[in-house]
Structure formats: structure tokens, C-alpha cells
Amino acid sequence: MSAQISSAPPGAVDKVGEREPLLSIRGLRVGFRKAGSQFEAVRGIDLDVAKGEVVGIVGESGSGKSVGMLAALGLTSKNAVVTGSVRFNGDELVGKPAREMRKIRGARIAMIFQDPLSSH
């Protein structure tokens, strides 16, 4: 399954200052290894979020919304294979060590889960 996510038409993000978006996701792909094979759960998310912008991700069940955003925040399981680019405030997050990601999550970037009452 795949999800194409866009928060605004191309070129619409921050036209006044022409700055880079606060969050930029390009070509994000997520697969899971199991028993010698790999299942691709997300095939190519592209998303820009400007400073001060609030974005909701909506789509069909199983389209990759949660897996894609979990991957963007470095919260996937150990058998996940994440490729592409996730830049937050100019800093590449894909491949960043878990210790460094813990300093960023919550303090600088966060995700509100589908059912916030059941997410611990």
C-alpha cells in the first residue's frame, strides 16, 4: 500500500520568505523484513510543513499514514527498513542514532496518534 501526502500545492509553502519548510519529507519508503523477505508498507511520501503550520494526515485504513509518520520520527521496529529523507529544521533524521532522536522527539517535534487515549 502507498500514501501520497501533500500539505499544500507545490510552491505554496511560505512564499513570502521563500524559506525551507520546517519539516521536509522526500521519497520516504518503509519496508519490514520477515523470514528472509521484505514487505513494503510505504512507497514514497513527500510532505512539506512550514513553521507554525498544523497538518493532519488522513486516508484509508492501511494506506501507510501511521507507519510513515512513525518512520519519520524514528519510531519503527528494528525489522523496519526506512529510506528517503526526513529533514527537520535542516537536520536529517533518517539514520540518526536513537540517542539523538530521543533528544529531538517531544522537545522539538511530536506526533499525536490516531487514538491518543490508547497510545502510551
PDB file of N, CA and C in Angstrom:
ATOM      1  N   MET A   1       0.837  -1.165   0.000  1.00  0.00           N
ATOM      2  CA  MET A   1       0.000   0.000   0.000  1.00  0.00           C
ATOM      3  C   MET A   1       0.882   1.228   0.000  1.00  0.00           C
ATOM      4  N   SER A   2       0.348   2.335  -0.493  1.00  0.00           N
ATOM      5  CA  SER A   2       1.142   3.552  -0.524  1.00  0.00           C
ATOM      6  C   SER A   2       0.280   4.745  -0.168  1.00  0.00           C
ATOM      7  N   ALA A   3       0.937   5.807   0.221  1.00  0.00           N
ATOM      8  CA  ALA A   3       0.246   7.047   0.554  1.00  0.00           C
ATOM      9  C   ALA A   3       1.004   8.199  -0.070  1.00  0.00           C
ATOM     10  N   GLN A   4       0.307   9.042  -0.773  1.00  0.00           N
ATOM     11  CA  GLN A   4       0.886  10.281  -1.271  1.00  0.00           C
ATOM     12  C   GLN A   4       0.282  11.389  -0.436  1.00  0.00           C
ATOM     13  N   ILE A   5       1.102  12.155   0.230  1.00  0.00           N
ATOM     14  CA  ILE A   5       0.624  13.165   1.156  1.00  0.00           C
ATOM     15  C   ILE A   5       1.174  14.510   0.735  1.00  0.00           C
ATOM     16  N   SER A   6       0.310  15.490   0.653  1.00  0.00           N
ATOM     17  CA  SER A   6       0.746  16.838   0.326  1.00  0.00           C
ATOM     18  C   SER A   6      -0.021  17.817   1.191  1.00  0.00           C
ATOM     19  N   SER A   7       0.679  18.708   1.859  1.00  0.00           N
ATOM     20  CA  SER A   7       0.009  19.660   2.741  1.00  0.00           C
ATOM     21  C   SER A   7      -0.406  20.931   2.012  1.00  0.00           C
ATOM     22  N   ALA A   8       0.176  21.199   0.871  1.00  0.00           N
ATOM     23  CA  ALA A   8      -0.140  22.407   0.124  1.00  0.00           C
ATOM     24  C   ALA A   8       0.290  22.213  -1.316  1.00  0.00           C
ATOM     25  N   PRO A   9      -0.296  22.987  -2.234  1.00  0.00           N
ATOM     26  CA  PRO A   9       0.148  22.883  -3.626  1.00  0.00           C
ATOM     27  C   PRO A   9       1.626  23.234  -3.738  1.00  0.00           C
ATOM     28  N   PRO A  10       2.328  22.674  -4.737  1.00  0.00           N
ATOM     29  CA  PRO A  10       3.749  22.986  -4.901  1.00  0.00           C
ATOM     30  C   PRO A  10       3.974  24.493  -4.954  1.00  0.00           C
ATOM     31  N   GLY A  11       4.956  24.958  -4.213  1.00  0.00           N
ATOM     32  CA  GLY A  11       5.290  26.372  -4.206  1.00  0.00           C
ATOM     33  C   GLY A  11       4.459  27.220  -3.264  1.00  0.00           C
ATOM     34  N   ALA A  12       3.447  26.635  -2.615  1.00  0.00           N
ATOM     35  CA  ALA A  12       2.566  27.416  -1.751  1.00  0.00           C
ATOM     36  C   ALA A  12       3.125  27.609  -0.354  1.00  0.00           C
ATOM     37  N   VAL A  13       4.091  26.817   0.041  1.00  0.00           N
ATOM     38  CA  VAL A  13       4.613  26.889   1.407  1.00  0.00           C
ATOM     39  C   VAL A  13       5.534  28.090   1.558  1.00  0.00           C
ATOM     40  N   ASP A  14       5.154  29.013   2.421  1.00  0.00           N
ATOM     41  CA  ASP A  14       5.983  30.160   2.803  1.00  0.00           C
ATOM     42  C   ASP A  14       6.502  30.951   1.598  1.00  0.00           C
ATOM     43  N   LYS A  15       5.591  31.430   0.736  1.00  0.00           N
ATOM     44  CA  LYS A  15       6.010  32.204  -0.431  1.00  0.00           C
ATOM     45  C   LYS A  15       6.678  33.522  -0.051  1.00  0.00           C
ATOM     46  N   VAL A  16       6.253  34.112   1.058  1.00  0.00           N
ATOM     47  CA  VAL A  16       6.770  35.418   1.445  1.00  0.00           C
ATOM     48  C   VAL A  16       8.277  35.379   1.658  1.00  0.00           C
ATOM     49  N   GLY A  17       8.748  34.471   2.505  1.00  0.00           N
ATOM     50  CA  GLY A  17      10.173  34.416   2.819  1.00  0.00           C
ATOM     51  C   GLY A  17      10.953  33.444   1.966  1.00  0.00           C
ATOM     52  N   GLU A  18      10.264  32.594   1.203  1.00  0.00           N
ATOM     53  CA  GLU A  18      10.929  31.581   0.379  1.00  0.00           C
ATOM     54  C   GLU A  18      11.916  30.744   1.181  1.00  0.00           C
ATOM     55  N   ARG A  19      11.607  30.502   2.458  1.00  0.00           N
ATOM     56  CA  ARG A  19      12.477  29.682   3.298  1.00  0.00           C
ATOM     57  C   ARG A  19      12.167  28.213   3.096  1.00  0.00           C
ATOM     58  N   GLU A  20      13.098  27.383   3.526  1.00  0.00           N
ATOM     59  CA  GLU A  20      12.853  25.946   3.511  1.00  0.00           C
ATOM     60  C   GLU A  20      11.790  25.622   4.544  1.00  0.00           C
ATOM     61  N   PRO A  21      10.988  24.578   4.301  1.00  0.00           N
ATOM     62  CA  PRO A  21       9.988  24.182   5.295  1.00  0.00           C
ATOM     63  C   PRO A  21      10.658  23.693   6.580  1.00  0.00           C
ATOM     64  N   LEU A  22       9.941  23.777   7.683  1.00  0.00           N
ATOM     65  CA  LEU A  22      10.457  23.289   8.960  1.00  0.00           C
ATOM     66  C   LEU A  22      10.647  21.776   8.901  1.00  0.00           C
ATOM     67  N   LEU A  23       9.676  21.083   8.285  1.00  0.00           N
ATOM     68  CA  LEU A  23       9.759  19.632   8.095  1.00  0.00           C
ATOM     69  C   LEU A  23       9.624  19.339   6.615  1.00  0.00           C
ATOM     70  N   SER A  24      10.559  18.595   6.073  1.00  0.00           N
ATOM     71  CA  SER A  24      10.515  18.209   4.666  1.00  0.00           C
ATOM     72  C   SER A  24      10.777  16.712   4.553  1.00  0.00           C
ATOM     73  N   ILE A  25       9.802  16.002   4.006  1.00  0.00           N
ATOM     74  CA  ILE A  25       9.930  14.554   3.805  1.00  0.00           C
ATOM     75  C   ILE A  25       9.950  14.307   2.304  1.00  0.00           C
ATOM     76  N   ARG A  26      10.946  13.571   1.832  1.00  0.00           N
ATOM     77  CA  ARG A  26      11.095  13.288   0.406  1.00  0.00           C
ATOM     78  C   ARG A  26      11.359  11.808   0.185  1.00  0.00           C
ATOM     79  N   GLY A  27      10.512  11.193  -0.625  1.00  0.00           N
ATOM     80  CA  GLY A  27      10.731   9.806  -1.036  1.00  0.00           C
ATOM     81  C   GLY A  27      10.802   8.820   0.107  1.00  0.00           C
ATOM     82  N   LEU A  28      10.067   9.069   1.186  1.00  0.00           N
ATOM     83  CA  LEU A  28      10.122   8.178   2.352  1.00  0.00           C
ATOM     84  C   LEU A  28       9.485   6.836   2.010  1.00  0.00           C
ATOM     85  N   ARG A  29      10.253   5.780   2.200  1.00  0.00           N
ATOM     86  CA  ARG A  29       9.792   4.411   1.970  1.00  0.00           C
ATOM     87  C   ARG A  29      10.058   3.609   3.232  1.00  0.00           C
ATOM     88  N   VAL A  30       9.118   2.728   3.563  1.00  0.00           N
ATOM     89  CA  VAL A  30       9.264   1.899   4.754  1.00  0.00           C
ATOM     90  C   VAL A  30       8.917   0.466   4.394  1.00  0.00           C
ATOM     91  N   GLY A  31       9.841  -0.432   4.681  1.00  0.00           N
ATOM     92  CA  GLY A  31       9.613  -1.861   4.483  1.00  0.00           C
ATOM     93  C   GLY A  31       9.895  -2.592   5.776  1.00  0.00           C
ATOM     94  N   PHE A  32       9.392  -3.812   5.858  1.00  0.00           N
ATOM     95  CA  PHE A  32       9.629  -4.631   7.046  1.00  0.00           C
ATOM     96  C   PHE A  32      10.191  -5.975   6.618  1.00  0.00           C
ATOM     97  N   ARG A  33      11.320  -6.380   7.226  1.00  0.00           N
ATOM     98  CA  ARG A  33      11.947  -7.672   6.941  1.00  0.00           C
ATOM     99  C   ARG A  33      11.301  -8.731   7.822  1.00  0.00           C
ATOM    100  N   LYS A  34      11.000  -9.876   7.198  1.00  0.00           N
ATOM    101  CA  LYS A  34      10.461 -11.005   7.960  1.00  0.00           C
ATOM    102  C   LYS A  34      10.756 -12.285   7.197  1.00  0.00           C
ATOM    103  N   ALA A  35      11.378 -13.214   7.889  1.00  0.00           N
ATOM    104  CA  ALA A  35      11.669 -14.541   7.330  1.00  0.00           C
ATOM    105  C   ALA A  35      12.343 -14.471   5.963  1.00  0.00           C
ATOM    106  N   GLY A  36      13.367 -13.644   5.854  1.00  0.00           N
ATOM    107  CA  GLY A  36      14.146 -13.576   4.623  1.00  0.00           C
ATOM    108  C   GLY A  36      13.533 -12.764   3.501  1.00  0.00           C
ATOM    109  N   SER A  37      12.348 -12.217   3.695  1.00  0.00           N
ATOM    110  CA  SER A  37      11.748 -11.385   2.655  1.00  0.00           C
ATOM    111  C   SER A  37      11.442 -10.003   3.230  1.00  0.00           C
ATOM    112  N   GLN A  38      11.015  -9.107   2.361  1.00  0.00           N
ATOM    113  CA  GLN A  38      10.699  -7.757   2.816  1.00  0.00           C
ATOM    114  C   GLN A  38       9.352  -7.331   2.248  1.00  0.00           C
ATOM    115  N   PHE A  39       8.506  -6.776   3.104  1.00  0.00           N
ATOM    116  CA  PHE A  39       7.203  -6.251   2.723  1.00  0.00           C
ATOM    117  C   PHE A  39       7.296  -4.730   2.732  1.00  0.00           C
ATOM    118  N   GLU A  40       6.925  -4.094   1.639  1.00  0.00           N
ATOM    119  CA  GLU A  40       6.976  -2.635   1.579  1.00  0.00           C
ATOM    120  C   GLU A  40       5.630  -2.066   2.023  1.00  0.00           C
ATOM    121  N   ALA A  41       5.637  -1.310   3.119  1.00  0.00           N
ATOM    122  CA  ALA A  41       4.408  -0.759   3.689  1.00  0.00           C
ATOM    123  C   ALA A  41       4.124   0.662   3.204  1.00  0.00           C
ATOM    124  N   VAL A  42       5.177   1.420   2.927  1.00  0.00           N
ATOM    125  CA  VAL A  42       5.026   2.803   2.472  1.00  0.00           C
ATOM    126  C   VAL A  42       5.934   3.002   1.272  1.00  0.00           C
ATOM    127  N   ARG A  43       5.375   3.552   0.196  1.00  0.00           N
ATOM    128  CA  ARG A  43       6.135   3.740  -1.039  1.00  0.00           C
ATOM    129  C   ARG A  43       6.158   5.203  -1.464  1.00  0.00           C
ATOM    130  N   GLY A  44       6.963   5.997  -0.829  1.00  0.00           N
ATOM    131  CA  GLY A  44       7.195   7.347  -1.336  1.00  0.00           C
ATOM    132  C   GLY A  44       6.302   8.436  -0.782  1.00  0.00           C
ATOM    133  N   ILE A  45       6.578   8.885   0.431  1.00  0.00           N
ATOM    134  CA  ILE A  45       5.857  10.034   0.987  1.00  0.00           C
ATOM    135  C   ILE A  45       6.679  11.283   0.722  1.00  0.00           C
ATOM    136  N   ASP A  46       6.021  12.309   0.204  1.00  0.00           N
ATOM    137  CA  ASP A  46       6.595  13.636   0.042  1.00  0.00           C
ATOM    138  C   ASP A  46       5.691  14.602   0.803  1.00  0.00           C
ATOM    139  N   LEU A  47       6.257  15.380   1.710  1.00  0.00           N
ATOM    140  CA  LEU A  47       5.459  16.277   2.548  1.00  0.00           C
ATOM    141  C   LEU A  47       6.317  17.436   3.022  1.00  0.00           C
ATOM    142  N   ASP A  48       5.781  18.648   2.935  1.00  0.00           N
ATOM    143  CA  ASP A  48       6.430  19.833   3.490  1.00  0.00           C
ATOM    144  C   ASP A  48       5.501  20.455   4.520  1.00  0.00           C
ATOM    145  N   VAL A  49       6.058  20.855   5.656  1.00  0.00           N
ATOM    146  CA  VAL A  49       5.298  21.544   6.694  1.00  0.00           C
ATOM    147  C   VAL A  49       6.065  22.807   7.063  1.00  0.00           C
ATOM    148  N   ALA A  50       5.396  23.948   6.922  1.00  0.00           N
ATOM    149  CA  ALA A  50       6.019  25.231   7.249  1.00  0.00           C
ATOM    150  C   ALA A  50       5.961  25.484   8.752  1.00  0.00           C
ATOM    151  N   LYS A  51       6.818  26.349   9.227  1.00  0.00           N
ATOM    152  CA  LYS A  51       6.810  26.735  10.637  1.00  0.00           C
ATOM    153  C   LYS A  51       5.442  27.324  10.975  1.00  0.00           C
ATOM    154  N   GLY A  52       4.842  26.856  12.079  1.00  0.00           N
ATOM    155  CA  GLY A  52       3.538  27.336  12.514  1.00  0.00           C
ATOM    156  C   GLY A  52       2.359  26.633  11.872  1.00  0.00           C
ATOM    157  N   GLU A  53       2.607  25.795  10.885  1.00  0.00           N
ATOM    158  CA  GLU A  53       1.538  25.076  10.197  1.00  0.00           C
ATOM    159  C   GLU A  53       1.187  23.811  10.970  1.00  0.00           C
ATOM    160  N   VAL A  54      -0.090  23.497  11.032  1.00  0.00           N
ATOM    161  CA  VAL A  54      -0.563  22.266  11.655  1.00  0.00           C
ATOM    162  C   VAL A  54      -1.116  21.388  10.545  1.00  0.00           C
ATOM    163  N   VAL A  55      -0.689  20.125  10.499  1.00  0.00           N
ATOM    164  CA  VAL A  55      -1.087  19.227   9.417  1.00  0.00           C
ATOM    165  C   VAL A  55      -1.734  17.980   9.993  1.00  0.00           C
ATOM    166  N   GLY A  56      -2.854  17.601   9.432  1.00  0.00           N
ATOM    167  CA  GLY A  56      -3.491  16.330   9.763  1.00  0.00           C
ATOM    168  C   GLY A  56      -3.319  15.385   8.587  1.00  0.00           C
ATOM    169  N   ILE A  57      -2.972  14.149   8.856  1.00  0.00           N
ATOM    170  CA  ILE A  57      -2.787  13.147   7.805  1.00  0.00           C
ATOM    171  C   ILE A  57      -4.036  12.265   7.799  1.00  0.00           C
ATOM    172  N   VAL A  58      -4.744  12.255   6.686  1.00  0.00           N
ATOM    173  CA  VAL A  58      -5.971  11.474   6.583  1.00  0.00           C
ATOM    174  C   VAL A  58      -5.875  10.527   5.399  1.00  0.00           C
ATOM    175  N   GLY A  59      -6.498   9.372   5.511  1.00  0.00           N
ATOM    176  CA  GLY A  59      -6.509   8.419   4.410  1.00  0.00           C
ATOM    177  C   GLY A  59      -7.149   7.117   4.834  1.00  0.00           C
ATOM    178  N   GLU A  60      -7.265   6.236   3.871  1.00  0.00           N
ATOM    179  CA  GLU A  60      -7.884   4.936   4.125  1.00  0.00           C
ATOM    180  C   GLU A  60      -7.074   4.135   5.128  1.00  0.00           C
ATOM    181  N   SER A  61      -7.751   3.239   5.797  1.00  0.00           N
ATOM    182  CA  SER A  61      -7.092   2.322   6.724  1.00  0.00           C
ATOM    183  C   SER A  61      -6.070   1.493   5.953  1.00  0.00           C
ATOM    184  N   GLY A  62      -4.873   1.394   6.495  1.00  0.00           N
ATOM    185  CA  GLY A  62      -3.830   0.597   5.851  1.00  0.00           C
ATOM    186  C   GLY A  62      -3.067   1.315   4.760  1.00  0.00           C
ATOM    187  N   SER A  63      -3.292   2.627   4.585  1.00  0.00           N
ATOM    188  CA  SER A  63      -2.623   3.347   3.498  1.00  0.00           C
ATOM    189  C   SER A  63      -1.206   3.796   3.835  1.00  0.00           C
ATOM    190  N   GLY A  64      -0.781   3.625   5.096  1.00  0.00           N
ATOM    191  CA  GLY A  64       0.590   3.959   5.461  1.00  0.00           C
ATOM    192  C   GLY A  64       0.754   5.232   6.269  1.00  0.00           C
ATOM    193  N   LYS A  65      -0.342   5.835   6.689  1.00  0.00           N
ATOM    194  CA  LYS A  65      -0.263   7.093   7.444  1.00  0.00           C
ATOM    195  C   LYS A  65       0.571   6.948   8.709  1.00  0.00           C
ATOM    196  N   SER A  66       0.177   6.023   9.559  1.00  0.00           N
ATOM    197  CA  SER A  66       0.868   5.854  10.850  1.00  0.00           C
ATOM    198  C   SER A  66       2.292   5.355  10.662  1.00  0.00           C
ATOM    199  N   VAL A  67       2.477   4.353   9.820  1.00  0.00           N
ATOM    200  CA  VAL A  67       3.819   3.798   9.603  1.00  0.00           C
ATOM    201  C   VAL A  67       4.752   4.866   9.039  1.00  0.00           C
ATOM    202  N   GLY A  68       4.261   5.655   8.105  1.00  0.00           N
ATOM    203  CA  GLY A  68       5.086   6.709   7.527  1.00  0.00           C
ATOM    204  C   GLY A  68       5.511   7.750   8.542  1.00  0.00           C
ATOM    205  N   MET A  69       4.576   8.184   9.367  1.00  0.00           N
ATOM    206  CA  MET A  69       4.904   9.210  10.360  1.00  0.00           C
ATOM    207  C   MET A  69       5.753   8.639  11.497  1.00  0.00           C
ATOM    208  N   LEU A  70       5.515   7.383  11.873  1.00  0.00           N
ATOM    209  CA  LEU A  70       6.382   6.734  12.869  1.00  0.00           C
ATOM    210  C   LEU A  70       7.814   6.650  12.340  1.00  0.00           C
ATOM    211  N   ALA A  71       7.950   6.311  11.060  1.00  0.00           N
ATOM    212  CA  ALA A  71       9.280   6.231  10.450  1.00  0.00           C
ATOM    213  C   ALA A  71       9.946   7.602  10.426  1.00  0.00           C
ATOM    214  N   ALA A  72       9.175   8.641  10.133  1.00  0.00           N
ATOM    215  CA  ALA A  72       9.729   9.996  10.097  1.00  0.00           C
ATOM    216  C   ALA A  72      10.304  10.394  11.454  1.00  0.00           C
ATOM    217  N   LEU A  73       9.708   9.879  12.530  1.00  0.00           N
ATOM    218  CA  LEU A  73      10.173  10.207  13.881  1.00  0.00           C
ATOM    219  C   LEU A  73      11.118   9.161  14.455  1.00  0.00           C
ATOM    220  N   GLY A  74      11.495   8.175  13.645  1.00  0.00           N
ATOM    221  CA  GLY A  74      12.428   7.151  14.111  1.00  0.00           C
ATOM    222  C   GLY A  74      11.828   6.206  15.128  1.00  0.00           C
ATOM    223  N   LEU A  75      10.543   5.914  15.000  1.00  0.00           N
ATOM    224  CA  LEU A  75       9.848   5.074  15.979  1.00  0.00           C
ATOM    225  C   LEU A  75       9.417   3.715  15.427  1.00  0.00           C
ATOM    226  N   THR A  76      10.042   3.265  14.358  1.00  0.00           N
ATOM    227  CA  THR A  76       9.681   1.963  13.794  1.00  0.00           C
ATOM    228  C   THR A  76      10.413   0.841  14.521  1.00  0.00           C
ATOM    229  N   SER A  77       9.934  -0.376  14.314  1.00  0.00           N
ATOM    230  CA  SER A  77      10.560  -1.544  14.941  1.00  0.00           C
ATOM    231  C   SER A  77      11.916  -1.833  14.303  1.00  0.00           C
ATOM    232  N   LYS A  78      12.692  -2.682  14.952  1.00  0.00           N
ATOM    233  CA  LYS A  78      14.054  -2.993  14.490  1.00  0.00           C
ATOM    234  C   LYS A  78      14.082  -3.685  13.127  1.00  0.00           C
ATOM    235  N   ASN A  79      12.989  -4.349  12.741  1.00  0.00           N
ATOM    236  CA  ASN A  79      12.976  -5.027  11.446  1.00  0.00           C
ATOM    237  C   ASN A  79      12.540  -4.096  10.308  1.00  0.00           C
ATOM    238  N   ALA A  80      12.355  -2.810  10.601  1.00  0.00           N
ATOM    239  CA  ALA A  80      11.954  -1.847   9.574  1.00  0.00           C
ATOM    240  C   ALA A  80      13.164  -1.381   8.773  1.00  0.00           C
ATOM    241  N   VAL A  81      12.935  -1.164   7.486  1.00  0.00           N
ATOM    242  CA  VAL A  81      13.941  -0.588   6.595  1.00  0.00           C
ATOM    243  C   VAL A  81      13.363   0.740   6.118  1.00  0.00           C
ATOM    244  N   VAL A  82      13.993   1.835   6.521  1.00  0.00           N
ATOM    245  CA  VAL A  82      13.499   3.177   6.198  1.00  0.00           C
ATOM    246  C   VAL A  82      14.496   3.849   5.267  1.00  0.00           C
ATOM    247  N   THR A  83      14.005   4.337   4.124  1.00  0.00           N
ATOM    248  CA  THR A  83      14.857   5.066   3.183  1.00  0.00           C
ATOM    249  C   THR A  83      14.155   6.362   2.795  1.00  0.00           C
ATOM    250  N   GLY A  84      14.899   7.249   2.186  1.00  0.00           N
ATOM    251  CA  GLY A  84      14.381   8.554   1.815  1.00  0.00           C
ATOM    252  C   GLY A  84      14.983   9.600   2.728  1.00  0.00           C
ATOM    253  N   SER A  85      14.369  10.751   2.752  1.00  0.00           N
ATOM    254  CA  SER A  85      14.893  11.862   3.541  1.00  0.00           C
ATOM    255  C   SER A  85      13.798  12.474   4.400  1.00  0.00           C
ATOM    256  N   VAL A  86      14.133  12.713   5.662  1.00  0.00           N
ATOM    257  CA  VAL A  86      13.270  13.466   6.578  1.00  0.00           C
ATOM    258  C   VAL A  86      14.161  14.534   7.192  1.00  0.00           C
ATOM    259  N   ARG A  87      13.908  15.789   6.803  1.00  0.00           N
ATOM    260  CA  ARG A  87      14.705  16.898   7.329  1.00  0.00           C
ATOM    261  C   ARG A  87      13.823  17.743   8.233  1.00  0.00           C
ATOM    262  N   PHE A  88      14.290  17.936   9.465  1.00  0.00           N
ATOM    263  CA  PHE A  88      13.591  18.784  10.423  1.00  0.00           C
ATOM    264  C   PHE A  88      14.504  19.938  10.791  1.00  0.00           C
ATOM    265  N   ASN A  89      14.056  21.144  10.458  1.00  0.00           N
ATOM    266  CA  ASN A  89      14.856  22.342  10.716  1.00  0.00           C
ATOM    267  C   ASN A  89      16.258  22.206  10.102  1.00  0.00           C
ATOM    268  N   GLY A  90      16.320  21.593   8.916  1.00  0.00           N
ATOM    269  CA  GLY A  90      17.575  21.419   8.200  1.00  0.00           C
ATOM    270  C   GLY A  90      18.405  20.221   8.606  1.00  0.00           C
ATOM    271  N   ASP A  91      17.975  19.491   9.628  1.00  0.00           N
ATOM    272  CA  ASP A  91      18.724  18.356  10.174  1.00  0.00           C
ATOM    273  C   ASP A  91      18.131  17.040   9.659  1.00  0.00           C
ATOM    274  N   GLU A  92      18.935  16.201   9.027  1.00  0.00           N
ATOM    275  CA  GLU A  92      18.463  14.908   8.517  1.00  0.00           C
ATOM    276  C   GLU A  92      18.186  13.955   9.671  1.00  0.00           C
ATOM    277  N   LEU A  93      16.976  13.375   9.695  1.00  0.00           N
ATOM    278  CA  LEU A  93      16.587  12.468  10.773  1.00  0.00           C
ATOM    279  C   LEU A  93      16.742  10.994  10.412  1.00  0.00           C
ATOM    280  N   VAL A  94      16.597  10.643   9.131  1.00  0.00           N
ATOM    281  CA  VAL A  94      16.716   9.232   8.742  1.00  0.00           C
ATOM    282  C   VAL A  94      18.148   8.779   8.994  1.00  0.00           C
ATOM    283  N   GLY A  95      18.290   7.729   9.773  1.00  0.00           N
ATOM    284  CA  GLY A  95      19.605   7.195  10.098  1.00  0.00           C
ATOM    285  C   GLY A  95      20.246   7.804  11.331  1.00  0.00           C
ATOM    286  N   LYS A  96      19.588   8.783  11.927  1.00  0.00           N
ATOM    287  CA  LYS A  96      20.135   9.412  13.145  1.00  0.00           C
ATOM    288  C   LYS A  96      20.066   8.402  14.289  1.00  0.00           C
ATOM    289  N   PRO A  97      21.107   8.299  15.095  1.00  0.00           N
ATOM    290  CA  PRO A  97      21.110   7.355  16.224  1.00  0.00           C
ATOM    291  C   PRO A  97      19.942   7.603  17.187  1.00  0.00           C
ATOM    292  N   ALA A  98      19.440   6.521  17.786  1.00  0.00           N
ATOM    293  CA  ALA A  98      18.290   6.585  18.698  1.00  0.00           C
ATOM    294  C   ALA A  98      18.520   7.577  19.833  1.00  0.00           C
ATOM    295  N   ARG A  99      19.725   7.627  20.349  1.00  0.00           N
ATOM    296  CA  ARG A  99      20.045   8.537  21.457  1.00  0.00           C
ATOM    297  C   ARG A  99      19.794   9.993  21.050  1.00  0.00           C
ATOM    298  N   GLU A 100      20.201  10.354  19.832  1.00  0.00           N
ATOM    299  CA  GLU A 100      19.996  11.719  19.345  1.00  0.00           C
ATOM    300  C   GLU A 100      18.520  11.987  19.060  1.00  0.00           C
ATOM    301  N   MET A 101      17.816  10.971  18.537  1.00  0.00           N
ATOM    302  CA  MET A 101      16.386  11.139  18.249  1.00  0.00           C
ATOM    303  C   MET A 101      15.593  11.379  19.530  1.00  0.00           C
ATOM    304  N   ARG A 102      15.980  10.739  20.620  1.00  0.00           N
ATOM    305  CA  ARG A 102      15.273  10.941  21.896  1.00  0.00           C
ATOM    306  C   ARG A 102      15.363  12.393  22.362  1.00  0.00           C
ATOM    307  N   LYS A 103      16.447  13.080  22.025  1.00  0.00           N
ATOM    308  CA  LYS A 103      16.602  14.487  22.404  1.00  0.00           C
ATOM    309  C   LYS A 103      15.680  15.395  21.585  1.00  0.00           C
ATOM    310  N   ILE A 104      15.352  14.959  20.377  1.00  0.00           N
ATOM    311  CA  ILE A 104      14.540  15.761  19.459  1.00  0.00           C
ATOM    312  C   ILE A 104      13.046  15.530  19.698  1.00  0.00           C
ATOM    313  N   ARG A 105      12.658  14.256  19.823  1.00  0.00           N
ATOM    314  CA  ARG A 105      11.238  13.917  19.979  1.00  0.00           C
ATOM    315  C   ARG A 105      10.688  14.484  21.283  1.00  0.00           C
ATOM    316  N   GLY A 106       9.515  15.063  21.185  1.00  0.00           N
ATOM    317  CA  GLY A 106       8.873  15.628  22.365  1.00  0.00           C
ATOM    318  C   GLY A 106       9.310  17.052  22.633  1.00  0.00           C
ATOM    319  N   ALA A 107      10.602  17.299  22.579  1.00  0.00           N
ATOM    320  CA  ALA A 107      11.119  18.646  22.835  1.00  0.00           C
ATOM    321  C   ALA A 107      10.983  19.543  21.604  1.00  0.00           C
ATOM    322  N   ARG A 108      11.191  18.969  20.398  1.00  0.00           N
ATOM    323  CA  ARG A 108      11.186  19.786  19.175  1.00  0.00           C
ATOM    324  C   ARG A 108      10.162  19.347  18.143  1.00  0.00           C
ATOM    325  N   ILE A 109       9.787  18.080  18.165  1.00  0.00           N
ATOM    326  CA  ILE A 109       8.825  17.555  17.193  1.00  0.00           C
ATOM    327  C   ILE A 109       8.032  16.443  17.867  1.00  0.00           C
ATOM    328  N   ALA A 110       6.744  16.338  17.522  1.00  0.00           N
ATOM    329  CA  ALA A 110       5.899  15.314  18.142  1.00  0.00           C
ATOM    330  C   ALA A 110       4.806  14.887  17.181  1.00  0.00           C
ATOM    331  N   MET A 111       4.156  13.815  17.531  1.00  0.00           N
ATOM    332  CA  MET A 111       3.061  13.257  16.739  1.00  0.00           C
ATOM    333  C   MET A 111       1.914  12.962  17.692  1.00  0.00           C
ATOM    334  N   ILE A 112       0.703  13.334  17.305  1.00  0.00           N
ATOM    335  CA  ILE A 112      -0.479  12.965  18.077  1.00  0.00           C
ATOM    336  C   ILE A 112      -1.078  11.758  17.373  1.00  0.00           C
ATOM    337  N   PHE A 113      -1.141  10.644  18.073  1.00  0.00           N
ATOM    338  CA  PHE A 113      -1.580   9.395  17.469  1.00  0.00           C
ATOM    339  C   PHE A 113      -3.081   9.393  17.212  1.00  0.00           C
ATOM    340  N   GLN A 114      -3.536   8.462  16.359  1.00  0.00           N
ATOM    341  CA  GLN A 114      -4.945   8.363  15.977  1.00  0.00           C
ATOM    342  C   GLN A 114      -5.853   8.301  17.189  1.00  0.00           C
ATOM    343  N   ASP A 115      -5.485   7.505  18.170  1.00  0.00           N
ATOM    344  CA  ASP A 115      -6.273   7.359  19.385  1.00  0.00           C
ATOM    345  C   ASP A 115      -5.373   7.724  20.562  1.00  0.00           C
ATOM    346  N   PRO A 116      -5.285   9.021  20.882  1.00  0.00           N
ATOM    347  CA  PRO A 116      -4.339   9.449  21.911  1.00  0.00           C
ATOM    348  C   PRO A 116      -4.593   8.831  23.281  1.00  0.00           C
ATOM    349  N   LEU A 117      -5.811   8.364  23.551  1.00  0.00           N
ATOM    350  CA  LEU A 117      -6.103   7.761  24.849  1.00  0.00           C
ATOM    351  C   LEU A 117      -5.500   6.371  24.992  1.00  0.00           C
ATOM    352  N   SER A 118      -5.293   5.683  23.859  1.00  0.00           N
ATOM    353  CA  SER A 118      -4.744   4.326  23.945  1.00  0.00           C
ATOM    354  C   SER A 118      -3.252   4.265  23.655  1.00  0.00           C
ATOM    355  N   SER A 119      -2.638   5.373  23.260  1.00  0.00           N
ATOM    356  CA  SER A 119      -1.194   5.359  22.993  1.00  0.00           C
ATOM    357  C   SER A 119      -0.451   5.727  24.266  1.00  0.00           C
ATOM    358  N   HIS A 120       0.406   4.837  24.707  1.00  0.00           N
ATOM    359  CA  HIS A 120       1.121   5.037  25.975  1.00  0.00           C
ATOM    360  C   HIS A 120       2.526   5.496  25.691  1.00  0.00           C
TER     361      HIS A 120
END
